[in-house]
Amino acid sequence: MKPILALPLLFLFSSCDPGTGYTRLLENNTNKEIHIRFYHDSVYNYRNKEVVVKANSTTELFRDGHIGSNPDPIYPMVGVDSVDIWIDNDQLNKDIMDPANWEVRVKNLGARSYQHYYGFVVNKGDISE
């Protein structure tokens, strides 16, 4: 191969950075709407964001990502200072800030890139009326 052709190919293959994405989902298995407001650092694009999760549905709460390879799960609510959750006049008895309450799935996308999915599931028994 001519050296002049090798240089662009070398640049092409060496300039691909791996990436890691993080998606947080809420699965609402109740017949009530769940309202959530996140409060945190302005660095994240979901600052003071309010999300409404319809009854018996799954909704994306927020997502973020970075350049670099990370196959290991992180704290699902990284960057979140506090959360307000309201469900009519009921109370959620499950702490959304507790990482033990989140289901985690990490998908290898190849080329050292990963997509993390974090799911917070709310069932009827998690709400006190």
N, C-alpha and C. Protein backbone atom coordinates (compact mmCIF):
# COMPACT_ATOMS: atom_id res chain seq x y z
N MET A 1 0.85 -1.18 0.00
CA MET A 1 0.00 0.00 0.00
C MET A 1 0.89 1.23 0.00
N LYS A 2 0.53 2.19 -0.75
CA LYS A 2 1.31 3.42 -0.82
C LYS A 2 1.17 4.18 0.49
N PRO A 3 2.26 4.78 0.95
CA PRO A 3 2.21 5.52 2.22
C PRO A 3 1.17 6.62 2.23
N ILE A 4 0.91 7.23 1.11
CA ILE A 4 -0.06 8.32 1.05
C ILE A 4 -1.48 7.82 1.33
N LEU A 5 -1.81 6.57 0.98
CA LEU A 5 -3.11 5.98 1.27
C LEU A 5 -3.19 5.43 2.69
N ALA A 6 -2.07 5.01 3.22
CA ALA A 6 -2.05 4.43 4.56
C ALA A 6 -2.36 5.48 5.63
N LEU A 7 -1.89 6.68 5.43
CA LEU A 7 -2.10 7.74 6.42
C LEU A 7 -3.58 8.07 6.64
N PRO A 8 -4.41 8.27 5.60
CA PRO A 8 -5.83 8.52 5.84
C PRO A 8 -6.53 7.33 6.50
N LEU A 9 -6.16 6.11 6.11
CA LEU A 9 -6.76 4.94 6.73
C LEU A 9 -6.39 4.84 8.21
N LEU A 10 -5.15 5.10 8.53
CA LEU A 10 -4.72 5.08 9.92
C LEU A 10 -5.49 6.11 10.73
N PHE A 11 -5.66 7.32 10.19
CA PHE A 11 -6.42 8.37 10.88
C PHE A 11 -7.88 7.95 11.07
N LEU A 12 -8.48 7.37 10.05
CA LEU A 12 -9.88 6.95 10.11
C LEU A 12 -10.10 5.93 11.22
N PHE A 13 -9.25 4.95 11.32
CA PHE A 13 -9.44 3.89 12.31
C PHE A 13 -9.00 4.30 13.72
N SER A 14 -8.15 5.28 13.84
CA SER A 14 -7.69 5.68 15.17
C SER A 14 -8.53 6.81 15.76
N SER A 15 -9.41 7.43 14.97
CA SER A 15 -10.16 8.58 15.48
C SER A 15 -11.56 8.21 15.95
N CYS A 16 -11.91 6.95 16.01
CA CYS A 16 -13.23 6.53 16.47
C CYS A 16 -13.20 6.33 17.98
N ASP A 17 -13.82 7.23 18.71
CA ASP A 17 -13.86 7.12 20.16
C ASP A 17 -15.05 6.29 20.58
N PRO A 18 -14.87 5.43 21.58
CA PRO A 18 -16.02 4.68 22.11
C PRO A 18 -16.91 5.63 22.89
N GLY A 19 -18.16 5.25 23.06
CA GLY A 19 -19.10 6.07 23.80
C GLY A 19 -19.95 5.22 24.72
N THR A 20 -20.47 5.84 25.75
CA THR A 20 -21.36 5.17 26.69
C THR A 20 -22.58 6.03 26.90
N GLY A 21 -23.76 5.43 26.73
CA GLY A 21 -25.02 6.14 26.93
C GLY A 21 -25.75 5.59 28.14
N TYR A 22 -26.52 6.44 28.79
CA TYR A 22 -27.28 6.08 29.98
C TYR A 22 -28.72 6.55 29.81
N THR A 23 -29.66 5.63 29.88
CA THR A 23 -31.08 5.95 29.75
C THR A 23 -31.80 5.50 31.00
N ARG A 24 -32.59 6.41 31.60
CA ARG A 24 -33.40 6.07 32.78
C ARG A 24 -34.86 6.03 32.37
N LEU A 25 -35.53 4.94 32.74
CA LEU A 25 -36.93 4.72 32.40
C LEU A 25 -37.74 4.49 33.66
N LEU A 26 -39.00 4.90 33.62
CA LEU A 26 -39.93 4.59 34.71
C LEU A 26 -41.07 3.77 34.11
N GLU A 27 -41.28 2.59 34.68
CA GLU A 27 -42.38 1.72 34.27
C GLU A 27 -43.49 1.86 35.29
N ASN A 28 -44.60 2.41 34.88
CA ASN A 28 -45.74 2.68 35.77
C ASN A 28 -46.78 1.57 35.56
N ASN A 29 -46.84 0.64 36.49
CA ASN A 29 -47.80 -0.46 36.42
C ASN A 29 -49.02 -0.20 37.30
N THR A 30 -49.43 1.07 37.35
CA THR A 30 -50.60 1.44 38.14
C THR A 30 -51.61 2.12 37.22
N ASN A 31 -52.79 2.40 37.75
CA ASN A 31 -53.80 3.11 36.95
C ASN A 31 -53.82 4.60 37.26
N LYS A 32 -52.68 5.14 37.76
CA LYS A 32 -52.57 6.55 38.10
C LYS A 32 -51.38 7.18 37.37
N GLU A 33 -51.49 8.47 37.08
CA GLU A 33 -50.35 9.20 36.52
C GLU A 33 -49.35 9.50 37.62
N ILE A 34 -48.08 9.43 37.27
CA ILE A 34 -47.00 9.76 38.20
C ILE A 34 -46.29 11.00 37.66
N HIS A 35 -46.16 12.02 38.50
CA HIS A 35 -45.47 13.26 38.13
C HIS A 35 -44.14 13.31 38.88
N ILE A 36 -43.08 13.63 38.15
CA ILE A 36 -41.74 13.67 38.73
C ILE A 36 -41.05 14.95 38.29
N ARG A 37 -40.42 15.63 39.24
CA ARG A 37 -39.59 16.80 38.93
C ARG A 37 -38.20 16.54 39.52
N PHE A 38 -37.18 16.71 38.65
CA PHE A 38 -35.78 16.51 39.04
C PHE A 38 -35.13 17.86 39.30
N TYR A 39 -34.32 17.94 40.35
CA TYR A 39 -33.56 19.15 40.68
C TYR A 39 -32.09 18.76 40.76
N HIS A 40 -31.25 19.53 40.05
CA HIS A 40 -29.83 19.27 40.13
C HIS A 40 -29.02 20.28 39.38
N ASP A 41 -27.74 19.97 39.28
CA ASP A 41 -26.74 20.81 38.66
C ASP A 41 -27.12 21.20 37.23
N SER A 42 -26.83 22.40 36.85
CA SER A 42 -27.18 22.87 35.50
C SER A 42 -26.32 22.26 34.41
N VAL A 43 -25.32 21.46 34.78
CA VAL A 43 -24.47 20.80 33.80
C VAL A 43 -25.29 19.83 32.96
N TYR A 44 -26.29 19.23 33.57
CA TYR A 44 -27.10 18.23 32.87
C TYR A 44 -28.28 18.88 32.17
N ASN A 45 -28.69 18.32 31.04
CA ASN A 45 -29.76 18.92 30.24
C ASN A 45 -31.15 18.66 30.80
N TYR A 46 -31.27 17.90 31.87
CA TYR A 46 -32.57 17.62 32.45
C TYR A 46 -32.79 18.41 33.73
N ARG A 47 -32.14 19.54 33.87
CA ARG A 47 -32.25 20.38 35.06
C ARG A 47 -33.68 20.84 35.28
N ASN A 48 -34.19 20.60 36.47
CA ASN A 48 -35.53 21.01 36.87
C ASN A 48 -36.58 20.55 35.85
N LYS A 49 -36.37 19.39 35.31
CA LYS A 49 -37.26 18.83 34.31
C LYS A 49 -38.41 18.11 35.00
N GLU A 50 -39.61 18.30 34.46
CA GLU A 50 -40.77 17.56 34.97
C GLU A 50 -41.22 16.54 33.94
N VAL A 51 -41.49 15.33 34.41
CA VAL A 51 -41.93 14.24 33.54
C VAL A 51 -43.25 13.71 34.08
N VAL A 52 -44.19 13.45 33.19
CA VAL A 52 -45.46 12.82 33.55
C VAL A 52 -45.45 11.42 32.94
N VAL A 53 -45.63 10.41 33.79
CA VAL A 53 -45.68 9.03 33.33
C VAL A 53 -47.14 8.58 33.40
N LYS A 54 -47.71 8.35 32.25
CA LYS A 54 -49.12 7.95 32.16
C LYS A 54 -49.33 6.59 32.83
N ALA A 55 -50.57 6.32 33.20
CA ALA A 55 -50.94 5.04 33.81
C ALA A 55 -50.59 3.89 32.87
N ASN A 56 -50.10 2.82 33.44
CA ASN A 56 -49.78 1.60 32.70
C ASN A 56 -48.93 1.86 31.46
N SER A 57 -47.84 2.61 31.65
CA SER A 57 -46.94 2.90 30.54
C SER A 57 -45.50 3.01 31.04
N THR A 58 -44.58 3.04 30.12
CA THR A 58 -43.17 3.25 30.43
C THR A 58 -42.72 4.52 29.72
N THR A 59 -42.00 5.38 30.44
CA THR A 59 -41.57 6.67 29.91
C THR A 59 -40.09 6.88 30.22
N GLU A 60 -39.38 7.47 29.27
CA GLU A 60 -37.99 7.85 29.51
C GLU A 60 -37.97 9.06 30.44
N LEU A 61 -37.21 8.96 31.52
CA LEU A 61 -37.08 10.07 32.45
C LEU A 61 -36.02 11.05 31.96
N PHE A 62 -34.85 10.53 31.64
CA PHE A 62 -33.78 11.34 31.06
C PHE A 62 -32.68 10.42 30.56
N ARG A 63 -31.81 11.01 29.74
CA ARG A 63 -30.66 10.26 29.24
C ARG A 63 -29.46 11.18 29.17
N ASP A 64 -28.30 10.59 29.23
CA ASP A 64 -27.06 11.32 29.05
C ASP A 64 -26.01 10.33 28.57
N GLY A 65 -24.81 10.79 28.38
CA GLY A 65 -23.74 9.93 27.90
C GLY A 65 -22.43 10.67 27.85
N HIS A 66 -21.40 9.94 27.49
CA HIS A 66 -20.09 10.56 27.41
C HIS A 66 -19.20 9.76 26.46
N ILE A 67 -18.11 10.36 26.06
CA ILE A 67 -17.12 9.67 25.25
C ILE A 67 -16.30 8.82 26.21
N GLY A 68 -16.07 7.60 25.83
CA GLY A 68 -15.31 6.68 26.65
C GLY A 68 -16.10 5.41 26.89
N SER A 69 -15.39 4.38 27.21
CA SER A 69 -15.97 3.06 27.37
C SER A 69 -16.21 2.76 28.85
N ASN A 70 -17.46 2.43 29.21
CA ASN A 70 -17.76 2.08 30.59
C ASN A 70 -18.79 0.95 30.62
N PRO A 71 -18.34 -0.30 30.80
CA PRO A 71 -19.28 -1.41 30.87
C PRO A 71 -19.91 -1.58 32.24
N ASP A 72 -19.41 -0.86 33.25
CA ASP A 72 -19.88 -1.03 34.63
C ASP A 72 -21.04 -0.09 34.93
N PRO A 73 -22.08 -0.60 35.62
CA PRO A 73 -23.22 0.25 36.00
C PRO A 73 -22.77 1.41 36.89
N ILE A 74 -23.49 2.51 36.79
CA ILE A 74 -23.23 3.68 37.62
C ILE A 74 -24.46 3.92 38.51
N TYR A 75 -24.37 4.88 39.39
CA TYR A 75 -25.51 5.29 40.20
C TYR A 75 -26.57 5.87 39.27
N PRO A 76 -27.79 5.30 39.23
CA PRO A 76 -28.79 5.73 38.25
C PRO A 76 -29.17 7.20 38.31
N MET A 77 -29.10 7.81 39.48
CA MET A 77 -29.53 9.20 39.62
C MET A 77 -28.35 10.16 39.74
N VAL A 78 -27.24 9.81 39.09
CA VAL A 78 -26.05 10.65 39.13
C VAL A 78 -26.41 12.06 38.65
N GLY A 79 -25.96 13.05 39.40
CA GLY A 79 -26.22 14.44 39.06
C GLY A 79 -27.53 14.98 39.59
N VAL A 80 -28.39 14.13 40.14
CA VAL A 80 -29.69 14.57 40.65
C VAL A 80 -29.55 14.88 42.14
N ASP A 81 -29.90 16.11 42.54
CA ASP A 81 -29.84 16.51 43.94
C ASP A 81 -31.06 16.03 44.71
N SER A 82 -32.23 16.22 44.11
CA SER A 82 -33.47 15.81 44.78
C SER A 82 -34.56 15.61 43.73
N VAL A 83 -35.63 14.98 44.19
CA VAL A 83 -36.74 14.64 43.30
C VAL A 83 -38.04 14.88 44.04
N ASP A 84 -39.01 15.49 43.36
CA ASP A 84 -40.38 15.57 43.87
C ASP A 84 -41.22 14.60 43.05
N ILE A 85 -42.00 13.76 43.75
CA ILE A 85 -42.88 12.82 43.08
C ILE A 85 -44.27 12.99 43.67
N TRP A 86 -45.28 13.14 42.79
CA TRP A 86 -46.64 13.21 43.28
C TRP A 86 -47.55 12.36 42.41
N ILE A 87 -48.50 11.71 43.08
CA ILE A 87 -49.45 10.81 42.44
C ILE A 87 -50.82 11.13 43.05
N ASP A 88 -51.55 12.04 42.45
CA ASP A 88 -52.82 12.51 43.03
C ASP A 88 -52.57 12.87 44.49
N ASN A 89 -53.32 12.28 45.41
CA ASN A 89 -53.10 12.51 46.85
C ASN A 89 -52.42 11.32 47.50
N ASP A 90 -51.77 10.49 46.71
CA ASP A 90 -51.14 9.27 47.22
C ASP A 90 -49.65 9.49 47.40
N GLN A 91 -48.99 8.52 48.04
CA GLN A 91 -47.57 8.61 48.29
C GLN A 91 -46.86 7.38 47.74
N LEU A 92 -45.72 7.60 47.11
CA LEU A 92 -44.89 6.51 46.63
C LEU A 92 -44.04 6.01 47.79
N ASN A 93 -44.10 4.73 48.08
CA ASN A 93 -43.37 4.13 49.21
C ASN A 93 -42.06 3.49 48.78
N LYS A 94 -41.58 3.83 47.61
CA LYS A 94 -40.35 3.27 47.07
C LYS A 94 -39.43 4.43 46.74
N ASP A 95 -38.20 4.39 47.26
CA ASP A 95 -37.26 5.50 47.11
C ASP A 95 -36.57 5.46 45.75
N ILE A 96 -36.85 6.45 44.91
CA ILE A 96 -36.26 6.51 43.58
C ILE A 96 -34.76 6.83 43.64
N MET A 97 -34.29 7.38 44.75
CA MET A 97 -32.87 7.71 44.89
C MET A 97 -32.04 6.50 45.35
N ASP A 98 -32.67 5.41 45.74
CA ASP A 98 -31.98 4.21 46.21
C ASP A 98 -31.63 3.34 45.00
N PRO A 99 -30.34 3.14 44.71
CA PRO A 99 -29.96 2.35 43.54
C PRO A 99 -30.43 0.90 43.60
N ALA A 100 -30.72 0.39 44.78
CA ALA A 100 -31.22 -0.98 44.90
C ALA A 100 -32.62 -1.13 44.30
N ASN A 101 -33.33 -0.02 44.11
CA ASN A 101 -34.68 -0.05 43.54
C ASN A 101 -34.69 0.05 42.02
N TRP A 102 -33.55 0.04 41.40
CA TRP A 102 -33.45 0.17 39.95
C TRP A 102 -33.00 -1.15 39.34
N GLU A 103 -33.61 -1.50 38.21
CA GLU A 103 -33.16 -2.65 37.42
C GLU A 103 -32.16 -2.13 36.39
N VAL A 104 -31.06 -2.86 36.21
CA VAL A 104 -29.99 -2.39 35.34
C VAL A 104 -29.74 -3.42 34.22
N ARG A 105 -29.59 -2.90 33.01
CA ARG A 105 -29.21 -3.73 31.87
C ARG A 105 -28.19 -2.95 31.06
N VAL A 106 -27.05 -3.59 30.79
CA VAL A 106 -25.99 -2.96 30.00
C VAL A 106 -25.85 -3.74 28.70
N LYS A 107 -25.94 -3.01 27.59
CA LYS A 107 -25.85 -3.63 26.27
C LYS A 107 -24.53 -3.23 25.62
N ASN A 108 -23.76 -4.23 25.18
CA ASN A 108 -22.51 -3.98 24.48
C ASN A 108 -22.84 -3.69 23.02
N LEU A 109 -22.50 -2.49 22.55
CA LEU A 109 -22.79 -2.08 21.19
C LEU A 109 -21.64 -2.39 20.23
N GLY A 110 -20.58 -2.97 20.76
CA GLY A 110 -19.39 -3.24 19.95
C GLY A 110 -18.48 -2.03 19.92
N ALA A 111 -17.25 -2.23 19.45
CA ALA A 111 -16.26 -1.15 19.37
C ALA A 111 -16.09 -0.42 20.70
N ARG A 112 -16.17 -1.17 21.79
CA ARG A 112 -16.01 -0.65 23.16
C ARG A 112 -17.04 0.42 23.52
N SER A 113 -18.21 0.36 22.92
CA SER A 113 -19.30 1.29 23.24
C SER A 113 -20.41 0.52 23.96
N TYR A 114 -21.07 1.20 24.90
CA TYR A 114 -22.09 0.56 25.73
C TYR A 114 -23.31 1.46 25.87
N GLN A 115 -24.47 0.83 26.03
CA GLN A 115 -25.71 1.55 26.36
C GLN A 115 -26.23 0.95 27.65
N HIS A 116 -26.40 1.79 28.66
CA HIS A 116 -26.94 1.37 29.95
C HIS A 116 -28.41 1.75 30.02
N TYR A 117 -29.23 0.82 30.47
CA TYR A 117 -30.65 1.07 30.69
C TYR A 117 -30.94 0.86 32.17
N TYR A 118 -31.54 1.87 32.81
CA TYR A 118 -31.91 1.80 34.22
C TYR A 118 -33.42 1.93 34.30
N GLY A 119 -34.06 0.94 34.91
CA GLY A 119 -35.51 0.95 35.00
C GLY A 119 -36.00 1.01 36.44
N PHE A 120 -36.88 1.96 36.71
CA PHE A 120 -37.52 2.09 38.02
C PHE A 120 -38.97 1.67 37.81
N VAL A 121 -39.38 0.61 38.48
CA VAL A 121 -40.71 0.03 38.29
C VAL A 121 -41.61 0.41 39.47
N VAL A 122 -42.80 0.94 39.17
CA VAL A 122 -43.77 1.27 40.22
C VAL A 122 -45.00 0.37 40.01
N ASN A 123 -45.27 -0.43 41.03
CA ASN A 123 -46.44 -1.31 41.03
C ASN A 123 -47.48 -0.76 41.99
N LYS A 124 -48.68 -1.27 41.90
CA LYS A 124 -49.77 -0.77 42.76
C LYS A 124 -49.41 -0.85 44.24
N GLY A 125 -48.70 -1.90 44.64
CA GLY A 125 -48.30 -2.05 46.04
C GLY A 125 -47.29 -1.04 46.52
N ASP A 126 -46.64 -0.31 45.60
CA ASP A 126 -45.67 0.71 45.97
C ASP A 126 -46.29 2.04 46.30
N ILE A 127 -47.61 2.15 46.16
CA ILE A 127 -48.33 3.42 46.41
C ILE A 127 -49.29 3.22 47.57
N SER A 128 -49.23 4.16 48.52
CA SER A 128 -50.21 4.13 49.62
C SER A 128 -51.26 5.23 49.36
N GLU A 129 -52.50 4.83 49.50
CA GLU A 129 -53.61 5.77 49.23
C GLU A 129 -54.10 6.44 50.48
